[in-house]
N, C-alpha and C. Protein backbone atom coordinates (compact mmCIF):
# COMPACT_ATOMS: atom_id res chain seq x y z
N MET A 1 -8.94 -20.10 -24.73
CA MET A 1 -8.57 -18.97 -23.86
C MET A 1 -8.84 -19.33 -22.40
N LYS A 2 -7.85 -19.15 -21.57
CA LYS A 2 -7.99 -19.45 -20.15
C LYS A 2 -9.06 -18.56 -19.53
N ILE A 3 -9.89 -19.16 -18.67
CA ILE A 3 -10.95 -18.42 -17.99
C ILE A 3 -10.34 -17.28 -17.18
N GLY A 4 -10.92 -16.10 -17.30
CA GLY A 4 -10.44 -14.96 -16.53
C GLY A 4 -9.54 -14.02 -17.30
N LEU A 5 -9.16 -14.41 -18.52
CA LEU A 5 -8.28 -13.56 -19.33
C LEU A 5 -9.04 -12.64 -20.28
N GLU A 6 -10.34 -12.86 -20.40
CA GLU A 6 -11.11 -12.11 -21.40
C GLU A 6 -11.02 -10.60 -21.21
N ASN A 7 -11.06 -10.15 -19.95
CA ASN A 7 -11.03 -8.71 -19.70
C ASN A 7 -9.73 -8.06 -20.16
N TYR A 8 -8.68 -8.86 -20.28
CA TYR A 8 -7.38 -8.32 -20.67
C TYR A 8 -7.17 -8.35 -22.18
N LEU A 9 -8.24 -8.66 -22.90
CA LEU A 9 -8.22 -8.62 -24.36
C LEU A 9 -9.20 -7.60 -24.93
N LEU A 10 -10.00 -6.98 -24.06
CA LEU A 10 -11.05 -6.08 -24.51
C LEU A 10 -10.50 -4.75 -25.00
N GLU A 11 -11.19 -4.19 -25.99
CA GLU A 11 -10.93 -2.79 -26.32
C GLU A 11 -11.67 -1.92 -25.32
N THR A 12 -11.04 -0.86 -24.86
CA THR A 12 -11.65 0.08 -23.93
C THR A 12 -11.47 1.49 -24.47
N THR A 13 -11.99 2.45 -23.74
CA THR A 13 -11.81 3.85 -24.13
C THR A 13 -10.34 4.19 -24.26
N PHE A 14 -9.53 3.69 -23.34
CA PHE A 14 -8.10 4.03 -23.33
C PHE A 14 -7.27 3.04 -24.15
N PHE A 15 -7.59 1.77 -24.08
CA PHE A 15 -6.91 0.77 -24.92
C PHE A 15 -7.70 0.61 -26.22
N ASP A 16 -7.74 1.66 -27.01
CA ASP A 16 -8.59 1.69 -28.20
C ASP A 16 -7.84 1.11 -29.41
N PHE A 17 -7.57 -0.18 -29.34
CA PHE A 17 -6.70 -0.79 -30.33
C PHE A 17 -7.36 -0.97 -31.69
N LYS A 18 -8.66 -0.80 -31.79
CA LYS A 18 -9.31 -0.87 -33.10
C LYS A 18 -9.22 0.45 -33.86
N SER A 19 -8.68 1.46 -33.25
CA SER A 19 -8.52 2.76 -33.89
C SER A 19 -7.53 2.65 -35.04
N ASP A 20 -7.64 3.56 -35.99
CA ASP A 20 -6.76 3.53 -37.16
C ASP A 20 -5.29 3.64 -36.76
N ARG A 21 -5.00 4.49 -35.78
CA ARG A 21 -3.59 4.70 -35.42
C ARG A 21 -2.95 3.44 -34.86
N ILE A 22 -3.66 2.75 -33.98
CA ILE A 22 -3.09 1.55 -33.39
C ILE A 22 -3.03 0.42 -34.41
N GLN A 23 -4.06 0.28 -35.22
CA GLN A 23 -4.04 -0.74 -36.26
C GLN A 23 -2.90 -0.49 -37.25
N SER A 24 -2.68 0.77 -37.59
CA SER A 24 -1.59 1.12 -38.49
C SER A 24 -0.24 0.83 -37.85
N LEU A 25 -0.11 1.16 -36.58
CA LEU A 25 1.14 0.92 -35.87
C LEU A 25 1.49 -0.57 -35.84
N VAL A 26 0.50 -1.38 -35.53
CA VAL A 26 0.73 -2.82 -35.46
C VAL A 26 1.01 -3.41 -36.85
N SER A 27 0.25 -2.97 -37.83
CA SER A 27 0.39 -3.54 -39.18
C SER A 27 1.71 -3.14 -39.84
N ASN A 28 2.33 -2.06 -39.37
CA ASN A 28 3.61 -1.63 -39.92
C ASN A 28 4.74 -2.59 -39.56
N HIS A 29 4.49 -3.48 -38.61
CA HIS A 29 5.50 -4.44 -38.18
C HIS A 29 5.03 -5.84 -38.55
N LYS A 30 5.85 -6.56 -39.26
CA LYS A 30 5.48 -7.87 -39.77
C LYS A 30 5.53 -8.90 -38.65
N LEU A 31 4.37 -9.10 -38.01
CA LEU A 31 4.30 -9.98 -36.85
C LEU A 31 3.69 -11.34 -37.16
N SER A 32 3.12 -11.49 -38.35
CA SER A 32 2.36 -12.71 -38.64
C SER A 32 3.21 -13.97 -38.61
N ASP A 33 4.50 -13.84 -38.90
CA ASP A 33 5.38 -15.01 -38.90
C ASP A 33 6.08 -15.22 -37.56
N LEU A 34 5.75 -14.41 -36.58
CA LEU A 34 6.40 -14.50 -35.27
C LEU A 34 5.51 -15.23 -34.27
N THR A 35 6.11 -15.84 -33.28
CA THR A 35 5.35 -16.41 -32.18
C THR A 35 4.80 -15.29 -31.32
N SER A 36 3.92 -15.63 -30.37
CA SER A 36 3.38 -14.61 -29.46
C SER A 36 4.49 -13.95 -28.66
N ILE A 37 5.43 -14.74 -28.18
CA ILE A 37 6.53 -14.18 -27.39
C ILE A 37 7.38 -13.26 -28.26
N GLU A 38 7.70 -13.70 -29.47
CA GLU A 38 8.51 -12.87 -30.37
C GLU A 38 7.78 -11.57 -30.71
N SER A 39 6.48 -11.65 -30.93
CA SER A 39 5.70 -10.45 -31.24
C SER A 39 5.67 -9.50 -30.06
N ALA A 40 5.49 -10.03 -28.85
CA ALA A 40 5.45 -9.19 -27.65
C ALA A 40 6.79 -8.50 -27.43
N VAL A 41 7.87 -9.24 -27.61
CA VAL A 41 9.20 -8.65 -27.46
C VAL A 41 9.42 -7.55 -28.50
N HIS A 42 9.04 -7.83 -29.73
CA HIS A 42 9.20 -6.83 -30.79
C HIS A 42 8.42 -5.55 -30.46
N LEU A 43 7.18 -5.69 -30.06
CA LEU A 43 6.37 -4.51 -29.74
C LEU A 43 6.91 -3.78 -28.52
N TYR A 44 7.46 -4.51 -27.57
CA TYR A 44 8.09 -3.87 -26.40
C TYR A 44 9.17 -2.89 -26.85
N TYR A 45 10.05 -3.33 -27.74
CA TYR A 45 11.13 -2.45 -28.18
C TYR A 45 10.63 -1.31 -29.07
N VAL A 46 9.59 -1.58 -29.83
CA VAL A 46 8.98 -0.51 -30.64
C VAL A 46 8.52 0.62 -29.74
N VAL A 47 7.84 0.29 -28.64
CA VAL A 47 7.32 1.31 -27.74
C VAL A 47 8.44 1.89 -26.88
N ARG A 48 9.33 1.05 -26.39
CA ARG A 48 10.40 1.56 -25.51
C ARG A 48 11.22 2.64 -26.20
N ASP A 49 11.61 2.39 -27.44
CA ASP A 49 12.52 3.31 -28.12
C ASP A 49 11.85 4.22 -29.13
N GLY A 50 10.59 3.96 -29.43
CA GLY A 50 9.90 4.79 -30.41
C GLY A 50 9.30 6.07 -29.84
N TRP A 51 9.18 6.12 -28.50
CA TRP A 51 8.65 7.30 -27.83
C TRP A 51 9.61 7.70 -26.71
N ARG A 52 10.07 8.94 -26.77
CA ARG A 52 11.00 9.44 -25.77
C ARG A 52 10.30 9.56 -24.41
N TYR A 53 10.95 9.09 -23.37
CA TYR A 53 10.36 9.16 -22.03
C TYR A 53 10.41 10.58 -21.50
N ASP A 54 9.29 11.04 -20.97
CA ASP A 54 9.20 12.38 -20.38
C ASP A 54 8.34 12.29 -19.13
N ALA A 55 8.98 12.30 -17.97
CA ALA A 55 8.26 12.14 -16.69
C ALA A 55 7.35 13.33 -16.39
N TYR A 56 7.59 14.45 -17.06
CA TYR A 56 6.85 15.68 -16.74
C TYR A 56 5.76 15.98 -17.75
N ASN A 57 5.53 15.06 -18.67
CA ASN A 57 4.54 15.25 -19.72
C ASN A 57 3.17 14.80 -19.21
N ILE A 58 2.62 15.57 -18.29
CA ILE A 58 1.40 15.18 -17.58
C ILE A 58 0.21 16.00 -18.06
N SER A 59 -0.91 15.35 -18.23
CA SER A 59 -2.15 16.01 -18.61
C SER A 59 -3.25 15.59 -17.64
N LEU A 60 -4.21 16.46 -17.45
CA LEU A 60 -5.40 16.12 -16.66
C LEU A 60 -6.63 15.99 -17.56
N ASP A 61 -6.39 15.86 -18.86
CA ASP A 61 -7.46 15.68 -19.83
C ASP A 61 -7.55 14.19 -20.17
N PRO A 62 -8.66 13.53 -19.85
CA PRO A 62 -8.79 12.08 -20.10
C PRO A 62 -8.53 11.68 -21.55
N LYS A 63 -8.84 12.54 -22.51
CA LYS A 63 -8.65 12.18 -23.91
C LYS A 63 -7.19 11.90 -24.24
N ASP A 64 -6.28 12.51 -23.49
CA ASP A 64 -4.86 12.32 -23.75
C ASP A 64 -4.35 10.94 -23.35
N TYR A 65 -5.17 10.17 -22.68
CA TYR A 65 -4.74 8.85 -22.20
C TYR A 65 -5.22 7.71 -23.08
N ARG A 66 -5.83 8.03 -24.20
CA ARG A 66 -6.17 7.01 -25.18
C ARG A 66 -4.90 6.59 -25.91
N ALA A 67 -4.76 5.30 -26.14
CA ALA A 67 -3.57 4.80 -26.84
C ALA A 67 -3.41 5.47 -28.20
N SER A 68 -4.52 5.71 -28.90
CA SER A 68 -4.45 6.33 -30.22
C SER A 68 -3.90 7.76 -30.13
N SER A 69 -4.22 8.47 -29.04
CA SER A 69 -3.68 9.81 -28.85
C SER A 69 -2.19 9.75 -28.52
N ILE A 70 -1.82 8.82 -27.67
CA ILE A 70 -0.41 8.66 -27.30
C ILE A 70 0.42 8.32 -28.53
N ALA A 71 -0.13 7.49 -29.42
CA ALA A 71 0.60 7.07 -30.61
C ALA A 71 0.95 8.24 -31.52
N SER A 72 0.21 9.34 -31.42
CA SER A 72 0.47 10.50 -32.27
C SER A 72 1.55 11.41 -31.72
N LYS A 73 2.03 11.14 -30.49
CA LYS A 73 3.06 11.96 -29.85
C LYS A 73 4.45 11.42 -30.17
N ASP A 74 5.47 12.19 -29.80
CA ASP A 74 6.83 11.67 -29.91
C ASP A 74 7.48 11.46 -28.55
N SER A 75 6.76 11.84 -27.47
CA SER A 75 7.26 11.60 -26.12
C SER A 75 6.08 11.24 -25.22
N ALA A 76 6.38 10.56 -24.12
CA ALA A 76 5.31 10.09 -23.24
C ALA A 76 5.92 9.66 -21.91
N HIS A 77 5.09 9.66 -20.85
CA HIS A 77 5.58 9.15 -19.58
C HIS A 77 5.25 7.67 -19.45
N CYS A 78 5.57 7.09 -18.30
CA CYS A 78 5.51 5.63 -18.16
C CYS A 78 4.09 5.07 -18.32
N ILE A 79 3.10 5.75 -17.80
CA ILE A 79 1.72 5.26 -17.93
C ILE A 79 1.29 5.32 -19.39
N ASP A 80 1.63 6.39 -20.07
CA ASP A 80 1.34 6.51 -21.50
C ASP A 80 1.93 5.34 -22.28
N LYS A 81 3.22 5.12 -22.09
CA LYS A 81 3.91 4.10 -22.88
C LYS A 81 3.39 2.71 -22.56
N SER A 82 3.03 2.49 -21.31
CA SER A 82 2.44 1.21 -20.93
C SER A 82 1.08 1.04 -21.60
N THR A 83 0.28 2.10 -21.61
CA THR A 83 -1.03 2.07 -22.26
C THR A 83 -0.90 1.74 -23.73
N LEU A 84 0.06 2.37 -24.38
CA LEU A 84 0.28 2.14 -25.81
C LEU A 84 0.69 0.69 -26.07
N LEU A 85 1.61 0.17 -25.26
CA LEU A 85 2.04 -1.22 -25.44
C LEU A 85 0.90 -2.19 -25.21
N ILE A 86 0.10 -1.96 -24.18
CA ILE A 86 -1.03 -2.84 -23.89
C ILE A 86 -2.01 -2.86 -25.06
N ALA A 87 -2.30 -1.69 -25.61
CA ALA A 87 -3.22 -1.64 -26.75
C ALA A 87 -2.67 -2.43 -27.93
N CYS A 88 -1.38 -2.31 -28.18
CA CYS A 88 -0.78 -3.06 -29.29
C CYS A 88 -0.83 -4.56 -29.03
N LEU A 89 -0.56 -4.96 -27.81
CA LEU A 89 -0.60 -6.38 -27.47
C LEU A 89 -2.01 -6.94 -27.61
N ARG A 90 -2.99 -6.23 -27.11
CA ARG A 90 -4.38 -6.69 -27.23
C ARG A 90 -4.81 -6.74 -28.70
N ALA A 91 -4.27 -5.83 -29.49
CA ALA A 91 -4.62 -5.80 -30.91
C ALA A 91 -4.23 -7.09 -31.62
N ILE A 92 -3.20 -7.77 -31.13
CA ILE A 92 -2.77 -9.01 -31.78
C ILE A 92 -3.15 -10.23 -30.93
N GLY A 93 -4.06 -10.04 -29.96
CA GLY A 93 -4.60 -11.16 -29.22
C GLY A 93 -3.80 -11.62 -28.02
N ILE A 94 -2.90 -10.79 -27.51
CA ILE A 94 -2.14 -11.12 -26.31
C ILE A 94 -2.76 -10.41 -25.11
N PRO A 95 -3.25 -11.14 -24.12
CA PRO A 95 -3.81 -10.50 -22.92
C PRO A 95 -2.75 -9.64 -22.23
N ALA A 96 -3.14 -8.43 -21.86
CA ALA A 96 -2.19 -7.50 -21.23
C ALA A 96 -2.94 -6.59 -20.27
N ARG A 97 -2.24 -6.16 -19.24
CA ARG A 97 -2.85 -5.30 -18.22
C ARG A 97 -1.84 -4.28 -17.70
N LEU A 98 -2.36 -3.24 -17.08
CA LEU A 98 -1.54 -2.17 -16.52
C LEU A 98 -1.22 -2.47 -15.06
N GLU A 99 0.04 -2.27 -14.69
CA GLU A 99 0.48 -2.40 -13.30
C GLU A 99 0.93 -1.03 -12.81
N LEU A 100 0.62 -0.71 -11.55
CA LEU A 100 0.99 0.59 -10.99
C LEU A 100 1.72 0.42 -9.67
N ALA A 101 2.70 1.28 -9.44
CA ALA A 101 3.49 1.22 -8.21
C ALA A 101 4.05 2.61 -7.90
N LYS A 102 4.57 2.76 -6.70
CA LYS A 102 5.33 3.96 -6.33
C LYS A 102 6.81 3.61 -6.40
N ILE A 103 7.60 4.46 -7.07
CA ILE A 103 9.03 4.22 -7.14
C ILE A 103 9.80 5.46 -6.70
N LYS A 104 11.04 5.23 -6.33
CA LYS A 104 11.94 6.32 -5.95
C LYS A 104 13.04 6.40 -6.99
N ASN A 105 13.26 7.59 -7.53
CA ASN A 105 14.29 7.81 -8.53
C ASN A 105 15.49 8.45 -7.84
N HIS A 106 16.66 7.84 -7.98
CA HIS A 106 17.86 8.33 -7.31
C HIS A 106 18.76 9.16 -8.22
N LEU A 107 18.39 9.30 -9.49
CA LEU A 107 19.16 10.11 -10.42
C LEU A 107 18.31 11.25 -10.94
N ALA A 108 18.97 12.32 -11.38
CA ALA A 108 18.26 13.51 -11.87
C ALA A 108 17.27 14.01 -10.83
N VAL A 109 17.63 13.87 -9.56
CA VAL A 109 16.71 14.18 -8.47
C VAL A 109 16.43 15.67 -8.35
N GLU A 110 17.44 16.51 -8.60
CA GLU A 110 17.24 17.95 -8.43
C GLU A 110 16.15 18.49 -9.35
N ARG A 111 16.19 18.10 -10.62
CA ARG A 111 15.17 18.58 -11.56
C ARG A 111 13.80 18.04 -11.18
N LEU A 112 13.77 16.77 -10.78
CA LEU A 112 12.50 16.15 -10.40
C LEU A 112 11.86 16.90 -9.24
N ILE A 113 12.65 17.19 -8.21
CA ILE A 113 12.12 17.88 -7.04
C ILE A 113 11.70 19.30 -7.40
N GLU A 114 12.49 19.96 -8.26
CA GLU A 114 12.16 21.33 -8.66
C GLU A 114 10.80 21.41 -9.34
N LEU A 115 10.51 20.43 -10.20
CA LEU A 115 9.28 20.48 -10.99
C LEU A 115 8.06 19.91 -10.28
N ILE A 116 8.24 18.78 -9.57
CA ILE A 116 7.06 18.16 -8.98
C ILE A 116 7.11 18.09 -7.46
N GLY A 117 8.21 18.54 -6.85
CA GLY A 117 8.27 18.64 -5.40
C GLY A 117 8.64 17.37 -4.68
N THR A 118 9.10 16.32 -5.40
CA THR A 118 9.44 15.06 -4.76
C THR A 118 10.34 14.25 -5.68
N ASP A 119 11.07 13.29 -5.13
CA ASP A 119 11.89 12.40 -5.94
C ASP A 119 11.21 11.04 -6.13
N GLU A 120 9.92 10.98 -5.77
CA GLU A 120 9.14 9.76 -5.94
C GLU A 120 8.18 9.92 -7.12
N LEU A 121 8.06 8.89 -7.93
CA LEU A 121 7.13 8.89 -9.05
C LEU A 121 5.92 8.06 -8.67
N VAL A 122 4.77 8.72 -8.68
CA VAL A 122 3.54 8.10 -8.18
C VAL A 122 2.39 8.41 -9.13
N PRO A 123 1.71 7.41 -9.70
CA PRO A 123 2.20 6.04 -9.78
C PRO A 123 3.05 5.83 -11.01
N HIS A 124 3.97 4.91 -10.90
CA HIS A 124 4.77 4.47 -12.04
C HIS A 124 4.00 3.33 -12.72
N GLY A 125 3.92 3.38 -14.04
CA GLY A 125 3.18 2.36 -14.76
C GLY A 125 4.09 1.41 -15.52
N PHE A 126 3.74 0.13 -15.52
CA PHE A 126 4.41 -0.84 -16.35
C PHE A 126 3.38 -1.87 -16.80
N VAL A 127 3.81 -2.88 -17.51
CA VAL A 127 2.89 -3.80 -18.20
C VAL A 127 3.12 -5.22 -17.72
N SER A 128 2.03 -5.99 -17.61
CA SER A 128 2.19 -7.44 -17.54
C SER A 128 1.35 -8.04 -18.67
N MET A 129 1.91 -9.06 -19.28
CA MET A 129 1.26 -9.71 -20.43
C MET A 129 1.28 -11.21 -20.23
N TYR A 130 0.27 -11.87 -20.77
CA TYR A 130 0.13 -13.31 -20.56
C TYR A 130 0.76 -14.05 -21.72
N LEU A 131 1.92 -14.66 -21.45
CA LEU A 131 2.69 -15.36 -22.47
C LEU A 131 3.09 -16.74 -21.96
N ASN A 132 2.90 -17.74 -22.78
CA ASN A 132 3.31 -19.10 -22.43
C ASN A 132 2.75 -19.53 -21.07
N GLU A 133 1.46 -19.25 -20.88
CA GLU A 133 0.72 -19.69 -19.70
C GLU A 133 1.14 -19.01 -18.40
N LYS A 134 1.72 -17.81 -18.48
CA LYS A 134 2.05 -17.08 -17.26
C LYS A 134 2.11 -15.58 -17.54
N TRP A 135 1.95 -14.79 -16.48
CA TRP A 135 2.06 -13.34 -16.59
C TRP A 135 3.53 -12.94 -16.50
N VAL A 136 3.96 -12.10 -17.43
CA VAL A 136 5.33 -11.61 -17.48
C VAL A 136 5.29 -10.09 -17.46
N LYS A 137 6.14 -9.48 -16.64
CA LYS A 137 6.13 -8.03 -16.48
C LYS A 137 7.25 -7.36 -17.28
N ALA A 138 6.94 -6.18 -17.79
CA ALA A 138 7.93 -5.42 -18.56
C ALA A 138 7.64 -3.93 -18.44
N SER A 139 8.69 -3.14 -18.39
CA SER A 139 8.54 -1.69 -18.33
C SER A 139 9.14 -1.05 -19.59
N PRO A 140 8.30 -0.52 -20.47
CA PRO A 140 8.80 0.09 -21.71
C PRO A 140 9.13 1.57 -21.57
N ALA A 141 9.22 2.08 -20.35
CA ALA A 141 9.27 3.53 -20.14
C ALA A 141 10.54 4.18 -20.67
N PHE A 142 11.71 3.64 -20.32
CA PHE A 142 12.96 4.38 -20.51
C PHE A 142 13.65 4.00 -21.82
N ASN A 143 13.56 4.90 -22.79
CA ASN A 143 14.19 4.67 -24.09
C ASN A 143 15.71 4.61 -23.95
N LYS A 144 16.36 3.94 -24.90
CA LYS A 144 17.79 3.67 -24.77
C LYS A 144 18.63 4.95 -24.77
N GLU A 145 18.17 6.01 -25.46
CA GLU A 145 18.92 7.27 -25.46
C GLU A 145 18.93 7.90 -24.07
N LEU A 146 17.80 7.84 -23.38
CA LEU A 146 17.74 8.38 -22.03
C LEU A 146 18.64 7.58 -21.10
N CYS A 147 18.62 6.26 -21.25
CA CYS A 147 19.46 5.41 -20.41
C CYS A 147 20.93 5.73 -20.61
N ALA A 148 21.34 5.94 -21.86
CA ALA A 148 22.73 6.29 -22.14
C ALA A 148 23.10 7.61 -21.48
N LEU A 149 22.17 8.56 -21.50
CA LEU A 149 22.41 9.88 -20.91
C LEU A 149 22.69 9.77 -19.42
N TYR A 150 21.99 8.86 -18.73
CA TYR A 150 22.15 8.72 -17.29
C TYR A 150 23.01 7.51 -16.90
N ASN A 151 23.73 6.96 -17.89
CA ASN A 151 24.68 5.88 -17.61
C ASN A 151 24.00 4.67 -16.98
N VAL A 152 22.83 4.37 -17.48
CA VAL A 152 22.04 3.24 -16.96
C VAL A 152 21.82 2.24 -18.09
N PRO A 153 22.00 0.97 -17.85
CA PRO A 153 21.71 0.00 -18.91
C PRO A 153 20.22 -0.01 -19.23
N PRO A 154 19.84 -0.02 -20.49
CA PRO A 154 18.41 -0.07 -20.83
C PRO A 154 17.79 -1.38 -20.35
N ILE A 155 16.49 -1.34 -20.08
CA ILE A 155 15.79 -2.54 -19.62
C ILE A 155 15.53 -3.44 -20.82
N GLU A 156 16.13 -4.61 -20.82
CA GLU A 156 15.92 -5.57 -21.90
C GLU A 156 14.78 -6.51 -21.53
N PHE A 157 14.14 -7.08 -22.52
CA PHE A 157 12.99 -7.95 -22.29
C PHE A 157 13.04 -9.13 -23.24
N ASP A 158 12.87 -10.35 -22.70
CA ASP A 158 12.94 -11.54 -23.53
C ASP A 158 11.61 -12.27 -23.65
N GLY A 159 10.56 -11.72 -23.03
CA GLY A 159 9.26 -12.35 -23.12
C GLY A 159 9.06 -13.51 -22.17
N VAL A 160 10.09 -13.85 -21.41
CA VAL A 160 10.04 -14.99 -20.50
C VAL A 160 10.21 -14.56 -19.04
N HIS A 161 11.13 -13.62 -18.82
CA HIS A 161 11.44 -13.19 -17.46
C HIS A 161 10.92 -11.77 -17.21
N ASP A 162 10.51 -11.49 -15.96
CA ASP A 162 10.11 -10.14 -15.58
C ASP A 162 11.27 -9.18 -15.81
N SER A 163 10.94 -7.98 -16.28
CA SER A 163 11.98 -6.98 -16.56
C SER A 163 11.37 -5.61 -16.35
N ILE A 164 11.46 -5.09 -15.11
CA ILE A 164 10.71 -3.88 -14.80
C ILE A 164 11.54 -2.70 -14.29
N PHE A 165 12.81 -2.89 -13.97
CA PHE A 165 13.56 -1.73 -13.51
C PHE A 165 15.06 -2.01 -13.50
N GLN A 166 15.83 -0.91 -13.48
CA GLN A 166 17.27 -0.99 -13.29
C GLN A 166 17.57 -0.55 -11.86
N LYS A 167 18.06 -1.45 -11.05
CA LYS A 167 18.33 -1.11 -9.66
C LYS A 167 19.55 -0.21 -9.52
N PHE A 168 20.54 -0.42 -10.41
CA PHE A 168 21.79 0.34 -10.33
C PHE A 168 22.15 0.91 -11.70
N ASP A 169 22.95 1.98 -11.69
CA ASP A 169 23.52 2.46 -12.94
C ASP A 169 24.78 1.66 -13.24
N ARG A 170 25.47 2.02 -14.31
CA ARG A 170 26.64 1.22 -14.73
C ARG A 170 27.81 1.34 -13.76
N ASP A 171 27.78 2.35 -12.89
CA ASP A 171 28.85 2.52 -11.91
C ASP A 171 28.50 1.93 -10.55
N GLY A 172 27.33 1.30 -10.46
CA GLY A 172 26.94 0.67 -9.22
C GLY A 172 26.15 1.55 -8.27
N ASN A 173 25.81 2.77 -8.70
CA ASN A 173 25.00 3.66 -7.87
C ASN A 173 23.53 3.25 -7.96
N VAL A 174 22.81 3.39 -6.86
CA VAL A 174 21.39 3.05 -6.85
C VAL A 174 20.65 3.97 -7.81
N PHE A 175 19.87 3.39 -8.69
CA PHE A 175 19.11 4.17 -9.67
C PHE A 175 17.64 4.25 -9.32
N MET A 176 17.02 3.13 -9.03
CA MET A 176 15.59 3.10 -8.82
C MET A 176 15.22 2.01 -7.81
N GLU A 177 14.19 2.29 -7.04
CA GLU A 177 13.66 1.25 -6.16
C GLU A 177 12.14 1.37 -6.11
N TYR A 178 11.50 0.23 -6.00
CA TYR A 178 10.05 0.18 -5.88
C TYR A 178 9.68 0.27 -4.41
N LEU A 179 8.80 1.20 -4.08
CA LEU A 179 8.42 1.46 -2.69
C LEU A 179 7.08 0.86 -2.30
N GLU A 180 6.14 0.86 -3.24
CA GLU A 180 4.79 0.38 -2.93
C GLU A 180 4.12 -0.09 -4.22
N TYR A 181 3.43 -1.20 -4.13
CA TYR A 181 2.73 -1.76 -5.29
C TYR A 181 1.24 -1.49 -5.14
N TYR A 182 0.62 -0.92 -6.19
CA TYR A 182 -0.79 -0.57 -6.14
C TYR A 182 -1.71 -1.61 -6.77
N GLY A 183 -1.17 -2.51 -7.58
CA GLY A 183 -2.00 -3.55 -8.17
C GLY A 183 -2.02 -3.51 -9.68
N ASP A 184 -2.81 -4.44 -10.25
CA ASP A 184 -2.95 -4.51 -11.70
C ASP A 184 -4.37 -4.12 -12.09
N PHE A 185 -4.53 -3.64 -13.33
CA PHE A 185 -5.79 -3.06 -13.78
C PHE A 185 -6.07 -3.48 -15.22
N ASP A 186 -7.34 -3.81 -15.50
CA ASP A 186 -7.69 -4.19 -16.87
C ASP A 186 -7.99 -2.99 -17.74
N ASP A 187 -8.07 -1.79 -17.14
CA ASP A 187 -8.21 -0.54 -17.88
C ASP A 187 -7.40 0.52 -17.13
N VAL A 188 -7.26 1.69 -17.72
CA VAL A 188 -6.49 2.76 -17.08
C VAL A 188 -7.36 3.38 -15.99
N PRO A 189 -6.97 3.26 -14.69
CA PRO A 189 -7.78 3.80 -13.59
C PRO A 189 -7.49 5.29 -13.39
N LEU A 190 -8.02 6.11 -14.29
CA LEU A 190 -7.62 7.51 -14.36
C LEU A 190 -7.93 8.27 -13.09
N GLU A 191 -9.08 8.02 -12.48
CA GLU A 191 -9.41 8.74 -11.24
C GLU A 191 -8.40 8.40 -10.14
N PHE A 192 -8.03 7.14 -10.04
CA PHE A 192 -7.02 6.71 -9.07
C PHE A 192 -5.68 7.40 -9.33
N ILE A 193 -5.28 7.46 -10.60
CA ILE A 193 -4.02 8.09 -10.97
C ILE A 193 -4.04 9.58 -10.64
N PHE A 194 -5.11 10.27 -11.03
CA PHE A 194 -5.21 11.70 -10.76
C PHE A 194 -5.17 11.98 -9.26
N ASN A 195 -5.86 11.15 -8.47
CA ASN A 195 -5.85 11.36 -7.02
C ASN A 195 -4.46 11.17 -6.45
N LYS A 196 -3.72 10.20 -6.95
CA LYS A 196 -2.35 9.98 -6.48
C LYS A 196 -1.47 11.18 -6.81
N TRP A 197 -1.63 11.72 -8.01
CA TRP A 197 -0.86 12.90 -8.37
C TRP A 197 -1.17 14.08 -7.45
N LYS A 198 -2.42 14.30 -7.18
CA LYS A 198 -2.80 15.42 -6.32
C LYS A 198 -2.26 15.25 -4.91
N GLN A 199 -2.22 14.01 -4.44
CA GLN A 199 -1.71 13.73 -3.09
C GLN A 199 -0.20 13.87 -3.00
N HIS A 200 0.52 13.45 -4.03
CA HIS A 200 1.96 13.33 -3.93
C HIS A 200 2.74 14.42 -4.68
N TYR A 201 2.10 15.14 -5.59
CA TYR A 201 2.79 16.17 -6.34
C TYR A 201 2.28 17.54 -5.88
N PRO A 202 2.85 18.10 -4.84
CA PRO A 202 2.33 19.36 -4.27
C PRO A 202 2.39 20.54 -5.23
N ARG A 203 3.21 20.46 -6.27
CA ARG A 203 3.34 21.58 -7.20
C ARG A 203 2.57 21.36 -8.50
N LEU A 204 1.77 20.34 -8.54
CA LEU A 204 1.05 20.03 -9.77
C LEU A 204 0.21 21.20 -10.25
N HIS A 205 -0.45 21.89 -9.31
CA HIS A 205 -1.33 23.01 -9.68
C HIS A 205 -0.55 24.19 -10.25
N GLU A 206 0.78 24.26 -9.99
CA GLU A 206 1.58 25.39 -10.44
C GLU A 206 1.95 25.29 -11.92
N TRP A 207 2.03 24.08 -12.43
CA TRP A 207 2.49 23.94 -13.81
C TRP A 207 1.47 23.32 -14.73
N GLY A 208 0.31 22.94 -14.18
CA GLY A 208 -0.85 22.62 -15.01
C GLY A 208 -0.62 21.55 -16.05
N ASN A 209 -1.17 21.77 -17.21
CA ASN A 209 -1.12 20.78 -18.28
C ASN A 209 0.17 20.95 -19.07
N HIS A 210 1.03 19.97 -19.01
CA HIS A 210 2.33 20.05 -19.68
C HIS A 210 2.44 19.12 -20.86
N ARG A 211 1.34 18.80 -21.48
CA ARG A 211 1.40 17.95 -22.66
C ARG A 211 2.04 18.71 -23.82
N ASN A 212 2.75 17.95 -24.65
CA ASN A 212 3.31 18.54 -25.86
C ASN A 212 2.19 18.84 -26.86
């Protein structure tokens, strides 16, 4: 194991991959005959399409951010889905970490502004994983059904190249852009995330806990 990767393999309160739910999730997929890259790609698609993306499914309860809790849901936002994928990757010995950024969404803007008061998602979460001696980025947030609804190609991932966003929809309209990068984290920085929400979502207090 390369020096410095140990922290990205640890079980934590949020990346609780030794829990029954995460162990069951991983064991349900026959990964033993796959390479690390093939396993990572397989798990990426399991998380991308197995949980419906919901940008408004926000909770201020720390317990809801455990991977085992997320696994019991049928919908999740980007940080949730990234947390779940990281836990699954660590469960099979692949170093993985959470990446956070500010992004601007150019589609479905009216509903976004109505609910959270802005067309910016802060912070947006995605994953980087250590494969074939390098860090590779992937965003499992947007399930293929949602992409079809908004005429956007789903984000594909091959385990070799970074794959974190769709810049344009199928008609060439701008879909998403990254505005600011906050860094990578070996655990879910919940206080940082909550503070960003309070700063950037002026209507957060009006709609409270919207977990399913």
